[in-house]
N, C-alpha and C. Protein backbone atom coordinates (compact mmCIF):
# COMPACT_ATOMS: atom_id res chain seq x y z
N UNK A 1 0.83 -1.18 0.00
CA UNK A 1 0.00 0.00 0.00
C UNK A 1 0.88 1.25 0.00
N UNK A 2 0.54 2.20 -0.82
CA UNK A 2 1.29 3.44 -0.92
C UNK A 2 1.12 4.25 0.36
N UNK A 3 2.18 4.91 0.71
CA UNK A 3 2.10 5.80 1.86
C UNK A 3 1.26 7.01 1.48
N UNK A 4 0.42 7.42 2.40
CA UNK A 4 -0.39 8.60 2.15
C UNK A 4 0.44 9.82 2.52
N UNK A 5 0.14 10.98 1.92
CA UNK A 5 0.98 12.17 2.13
C UNK A 5 1.20 12.53 3.60
N UNK A 6 0.21 12.32 4.45
CA UNK A 6 0.36 12.71 5.85
C UNK A 6 1.13 11.72 6.69
N UNK A 7 1.44 10.53 6.14
CA UNK A 7 2.25 9.56 6.89
C UNK A 7 3.64 10.12 7.21
N UNK A 8 4.09 11.05 6.38
CA UNK A 8 5.42 11.64 6.62
C UNK A 8 5.47 12.43 7.94
N UNK A 9 4.32 12.82 8.46
CA UNK A 9 4.28 13.62 9.68
C UNK A 9 4.16 12.78 10.96
N UNK A 10 3.99 11.48 10.83
CA UNK A 10 3.68 10.65 11.99
C UNK A 10 4.72 10.80 13.10
N UNK A 11 5.98 10.73 12.76
CA UNK A 11 7.03 10.86 13.78
C UNK A 11 7.04 12.27 14.40
N UNK A 12 6.72 13.28 13.61
CA UNK A 12 6.71 14.66 14.10
C UNK A 12 5.59 14.91 15.10
N UNK A 13 4.48 14.19 14.95
CA UNK A 13 3.32 14.47 15.80
C UNK A 13 3.16 13.46 16.95
N UNK A 14 4.15 12.62 17.16
CA UNK A 14 4.07 11.64 18.25
C UNK A 14 3.78 12.26 19.61
N UNK A 15 4.36 13.41 19.94
CA UNK A 15 4.02 14.02 21.23
C UNK A 15 2.52 14.34 21.35
N UNK A 16 1.91 14.80 20.28
CA UNK A 16 0.47 15.09 20.30
C UNK A 16 -0.33 13.81 20.46
N UNK A 17 0.08 12.76 19.77
CA UNK A 17 -0.62 11.47 19.88
C UNK A 17 -0.49 10.92 21.30
N UNK A 18 0.70 11.00 21.87
CA UNK A 18 0.90 10.52 23.25
C UNK A 18 0.05 11.31 24.24
N UNK A 19 -0.04 12.60 24.01
CA UNK A 19 -0.89 13.44 24.87
C UNK A 19 -2.34 12.99 24.77
N UNK A 20 -2.81 12.70 23.57
CA UNK A 20 -4.19 12.26 23.39
C UNK A 20 -4.40 10.89 24.05
N UNK A 21 -3.41 10.01 23.95
CA UNK A 21 -3.51 8.70 24.59
C UNK A 21 -3.60 8.84 26.11
N UNK A 22 -2.83 9.76 26.69
CA UNK A 22 -2.90 10.00 28.11
C UNK A 22 -4.28 10.50 28.52
N UNK A 23 -4.87 11.34 27.68
CA UNK A 23 -6.24 11.82 27.96
C UNK A 23 -7.23 10.66 27.94
N UNK A 24 -7.11 9.77 26.97
CA UNK A 24 -7.99 8.61 26.88
C UNK A 24 -7.84 7.73 28.12
N UNK A 25 -6.61 7.55 28.57
CA UNK A 25 -6.35 6.71 29.75
C UNK A 25 -6.99 7.36 30.99
N UNK A 26 -6.85 8.67 31.13
CA UNK A 26 -7.46 9.37 32.25
C UNK A 26 -8.99 9.22 32.24
N UNK A 27 -9.56 9.09 31.06
CA UNK A 27 -11.00 8.91 30.93
C UNK A 27 -11.44 7.45 31.07
N UNK A 28 -10.45 6.56 31.28
CA UNK A 28 -10.75 5.15 31.52
C UNK A 28 -10.64 4.24 30.30
N UNK A 29 -10.16 4.77 29.19
CA UNK A 29 -10.02 3.95 27.97
C UNK A 29 -8.55 3.54 27.85
N UNK A 30 -8.27 2.33 28.30
CA UNK A 30 -6.89 1.87 28.35
C UNK A 30 -6.47 1.03 27.13
N UNK A 31 -7.42 0.64 26.31
CA UNK A 31 -7.12 -0.24 25.19
C UNK A 31 -6.91 0.55 23.88
N UNK A 32 -6.40 1.76 24.01
CA UNK A 32 -6.13 2.60 22.85
C UNK A 32 -4.63 2.70 22.68
N UNK A 33 -4.18 2.59 21.44
CA UNK A 33 -2.75 2.67 21.17
C UNK A 33 -2.48 3.75 20.14
N UNK A 34 -1.23 4.10 20.02
CA UNK A 34 -0.81 5.08 19.01
C UNK A 34 -1.22 4.61 17.62
N UNK A 35 -1.02 3.34 17.35
CA UNK A 35 -1.36 2.77 16.04
C UNK A 35 -2.86 2.87 15.77
N UNK A 36 -3.68 2.60 16.77
CA UNK A 36 -5.14 2.67 16.61
C UNK A 36 -5.60 4.10 16.36
N UNK A 37 -5.02 5.06 17.04
CA UNK A 37 -5.37 6.46 16.84
C UNK A 37 -4.98 6.88 15.43
N UNK A 38 -3.78 6.53 15.02
CA UNK A 38 -3.31 6.91 13.68
C UNK A 38 -4.19 6.26 12.59
N UNK A 39 -4.53 5.01 12.78
CA UNK A 39 -5.39 4.32 11.81
C UNK A 39 -6.76 4.99 11.73
N UNK A 40 -7.32 5.38 12.88
CA UNK A 40 -8.60 6.09 12.89
C UNK A 40 -8.49 7.37 12.08
N UNK A 41 -7.47 8.15 12.34
CA UNK A 41 -7.32 9.42 11.63
C UNK A 41 -7.17 9.21 10.14
N UNK A 42 -6.39 8.22 9.74
CA UNK A 42 -6.20 7.94 8.31
C UNK A 42 -7.49 7.45 7.66
N UNK A 43 -8.21 6.56 8.33
CA UNK A 43 -9.38 5.92 7.71
C UNK A 43 -10.64 6.75 7.80
N UNK A 44 -10.76 7.60 8.80
CA UNK A 44 -11.98 8.38 8.98
C UNK A 44 -11.78 9.87 8.72
N UNK A 45 -10.88 10.46 9.46
CA UNK A 45 -10.70 11.91 9.40
C UNK A 45 -10.10 12.37 8.08
N UNK A 46 -9.09 11.65 7.60
CA UNK A 46 -8.35 12.08 6.43
C UNK A 46 -8.65 11.25 5.19
N UNK A 47 -9.68 10.46 5.25
CA UNK A 47 -10.01 9.53 4.15
C UNK A 47 -10.06 10.24 2.80
N UNK A 48 -10.64 11.40 2.75
CA UNK A 48 -10.81 12.11 1.48
C UNK A 48 -9.90 13.32 1.36
N UNK A 49 -8.90 13.39 2.23
CA UNK A 49 -8.00 14.54 2.24
C UNK A 49 -6.72 14.18 1.48
N UNK A 50 -6.47 14.84 0.37
CA UNK A 50 -5.29 14.48 -0.43
C UNK A 50 -3.97 14.95 0.18
N UNK A 51 -4.01 16.04 0.94
CA UNK A 51 -2.77 16.62 1.46
C UNK A 51 -3.06 17.38 2.76
N UNK A 52 -2.12 17.29 3.69
CA UNK A 52 -2.24 18.01 4.95
C UNK A 52 -0.92 18.67 5.29
N UNK A 53 -1.01 19.74 6.07
CA UNK A 53 0.18 20.35 6.65
C UNK A 53 0.33 19.82 8.06
N UNK A 54 1.54 19.89 8.59
CA UNK A 54 1.80 19.33 9.91
C UNK A 54 0.92 19.96 10.98
N UNK A 55 0.66 21.24 10.90
CA UNK A 55 -0.19 21.88 11.92
C UNK A 55 -1.64 21.36 11.84
N UNK A 56 -2.08 20.94 10.66
CA UNK A 56 -3.42 20.37 10.53
C UNK A 56 -3.48 18.97 11.13
N UNK A 57 -2.40 18.22 10.98
CA UNK A 57 -2.33 16.89 11.57
C UNK A 57 -2.37 17.00 13.09
N UNK A 58 -1.58 17.91 13.66
CA UNK A 58 -1.57 18.11 15.11
C UNK A 58 -2.95 18.56 15.58
N UNK A 59 -3.57 19.48 14.88
CA UNK A 59 -4.91 19.95 15.24
C UNK A 59 -5.90 18.80 15.28
N UNK A 60 -5.86 17.94 14.27
CA UNK A 60 -6.80 16.81 14.22
C UNK A 60 -6.55 15.80 15.32
N UNK A 61 -5.29 15.58 15.66
CA UNK A 61 -4.96 14.65 16.76
C UNK A 61 -5.52 15.21 18.07
N UNK A 62 -5.24 16.47 18.34
CA UNK A 62 -5.65 17.06 19.61
C UNK A 62 -7.16 17.29 19.70
N UNK A 63 -7.84 17.40 18.56
CA UNK A 63 -9.29 17.61 18.55
C UNK A 63 -10.06 16.30 18.60
N UNK A 64 -9.37 15.17 18.52
CA UNK A 64 -10.03 13.87 18.51
C UNK A 64 -10.83 13.66 19.79
N UNK A 65 -12.07 13.32 19.64
CA UNK A 65 -12.96 13.05 20.79
C UNK A 65 -13.02 11.56 21.03
N UNK A 66 -13.02 11.18 22.30
CA UNK A 66 -13.04 9.77 22.66
C UNK A 66 -14.28 9.06 22.10
N UNK A 67 -15.41 9.77 22.07
CA UNK A 67 -16.63 9.17 21.54
C UNK A 67 -16.52 8.84 20.06
N UNK A 68 -15.91 9.75 19.29
CA UNK A 68 -15.71 9.48 17.86
C UNK A 68 -14.82 8.27 17.64
N UNK A 69 -13.74 8.22 18.43
CA UNK A 69 -12.81 7.11 18.30
C UNK A 69 -13.47 5.78 18.68
N UNK A 70 -14.21 5.79 19.80
CA UNK A 70 -14.83 4.56 20.27
C UNK A 70 -15.94 4.08 19.32
N UNK A 71 -16.68 4.99 18.71
CA UNK A 71 -17.68 4.60 17.71
C UNK A 71 -16.99 3.90 16.53
N UNK A 72 -15.90 4.48 16.07
CA UNK A 72 -15.14 3.89 14.96
C UNK A 72 -14.61 2.51 15.37
N UNK A 73 -14.01 2.41 16.55
CA UNK A 73 -13.44 1.14 17.00
C UNK A 73 -14.52 0.06 17.13
N UNK A 74 -15.69 0.44 17.59
CA UNK A 74 -16.78 -0.52 17.72
C UNK A 74 -17.24 -1.03 16.37
N UNK A 75 -17.42 -0.15 15.42
CA UNK A 75 -17.82 -0.56 14.08
C UNK A 75 -16.75 -1.45 13.45
N UNK A 76 -15.50 -1.07 13.60
CA UNK A 76 -14.42 -1.87 13.03
C UNK A 76 -14.37 -3.27 13.65
N UNK A 77 -14.62 -3.37 14.95
CA UNK A 77 -14.60 -4.68 15.60
C UNK A 77 -15.72 -5.55 15.09
N UNK A 78 -16.87 -4.97 14.78
CA UNK A 78 -17.98 -5.75 14.21
C UNK A 78 -17.66 -6.20 12.79
N UNK A 79 -16.92 -5.40 12.05
CA UNK A 79 -16.55 -5.77 10.69
C UNK A 79 -15.58 -6.95 10.67
N UNK A 80 -14.69 -7.01 11.63
CA UNK A 80 -13.62 -8.00 11.64
C UNK A 80 -14.04 -9.37 12.17
N UNK A 81 -14.97 -9.39 13.08
CA UNK A 81 -15.33 -10.64 13.74
C UNK A 81 -16.68 -11.15 13.27
N UNK A 82 -16.75 -12.45 13.09
CA UNK A 82 -18.06 -13.07 12.95
C UNK A 82 -18.30 -13.72 14.29
N UNK A 83 -19.03 -13.00 15.13
CA UNK A 83 -19.18 -13.37 16.53
C UNK A 83 -19.79 -14.75 16.70
N UNK A 84 -20.67 -15.16 15.82
CA UNK A 84 -21.33 -16.46 15.96
C UNK A 84 -20.44 -17.62 15.57
N UNK A 85 -19.27 -17.35 14.98
CA UNK A 85 -18.32 -18.42 14.67
C UNK A 85 -17.46 -18.77 15.87
N UNK A 86 -17.42 -17.91 16.88
CA UNK A 86 -16.63 -18.21 18.07
C UNK A 86 -17.37 -19.21 18.95
N UNK A 87 -16.63 -19.92 19.79
CA UNK A 87 -17.26 -20.89 20.70
C UNK A 87 -18.24 -20.22 21.65
N UNK A 88 -17.86 -19.05 22.16
CA UNK A 88 -18.73 -18.32 23.08
C UNK A 88 -20.03 -17.92 22.37
N UNK A 89 -19.92 -17.44 21.14
CA UNK A 89 -21.09 -17.04 20.39
C UNK A 89 -22.00 -18.23 20.09
N UNK A 90 -21.39 -19.37 19.76
CA UNK A 90 -22.19 -20.57 19.48
C UNK A 90 -22.93 -21.05 20.72
N UNK A 91 -22.26 -20.98 21.87
CA UNK A 91 -22.91 -21.40 23.13
C UNK A 91 -24.09 -20.48 23.46
N UNK A 92 -23.90 -19.20 23.31
CA UNK A 92 -25.00 -18.29 23.58
C UNK A 92 -26.15 -18.48 22.57
N UNK A 93 -25.82 -18.73 21.34
CA UNK A 93 -26.85 -18.96 20.33
C UNK A 93 -27.65 -20.21 20.63
N UNK A 94 -26.97 -21.27 21.10
CA UNK A 94 -27.66 -22.51 21.46
C UNK A 94 -28.61 -22.26 22.63
N UNK A 95 -28.20 -21.39 23.55
CA UNK A 95 -29.04 -21.09 24.70
C UNK A 95 -30.32 -20.35 24.32
N UNK A 96 -30.31 -19.71 23.18
CA UNK A 96 -31.48 -18.98 22.70
C UNK A 96 -32.48 -19.88 21.98
N UNK A 97 -31.98 -21.01 21.53
CA UNK A 97 -32.85 -21.91 20.74
C UNK A 97 -33.67 -22.80 21.64
């Protein structure tokens, strides 16, 4: 996959990402990583953005709301898993029948 134009700023904006991660942790969201935040920004925030300046990348990182991120993470988790294929899902499904 080709690097997107804003990938060049990732190392430059790590302090902003770490700051946002600390905020998420203070709010009780401990399962968030730098990679997950960056993926969210690339796939949702910048999906249709051809080019960004470094100050715009920092602005978007710092403006990220935990609710927006968690909505995205929830939808992505549903896309990746077929819950009824797992043993736990099968057991619960049998209990409903």
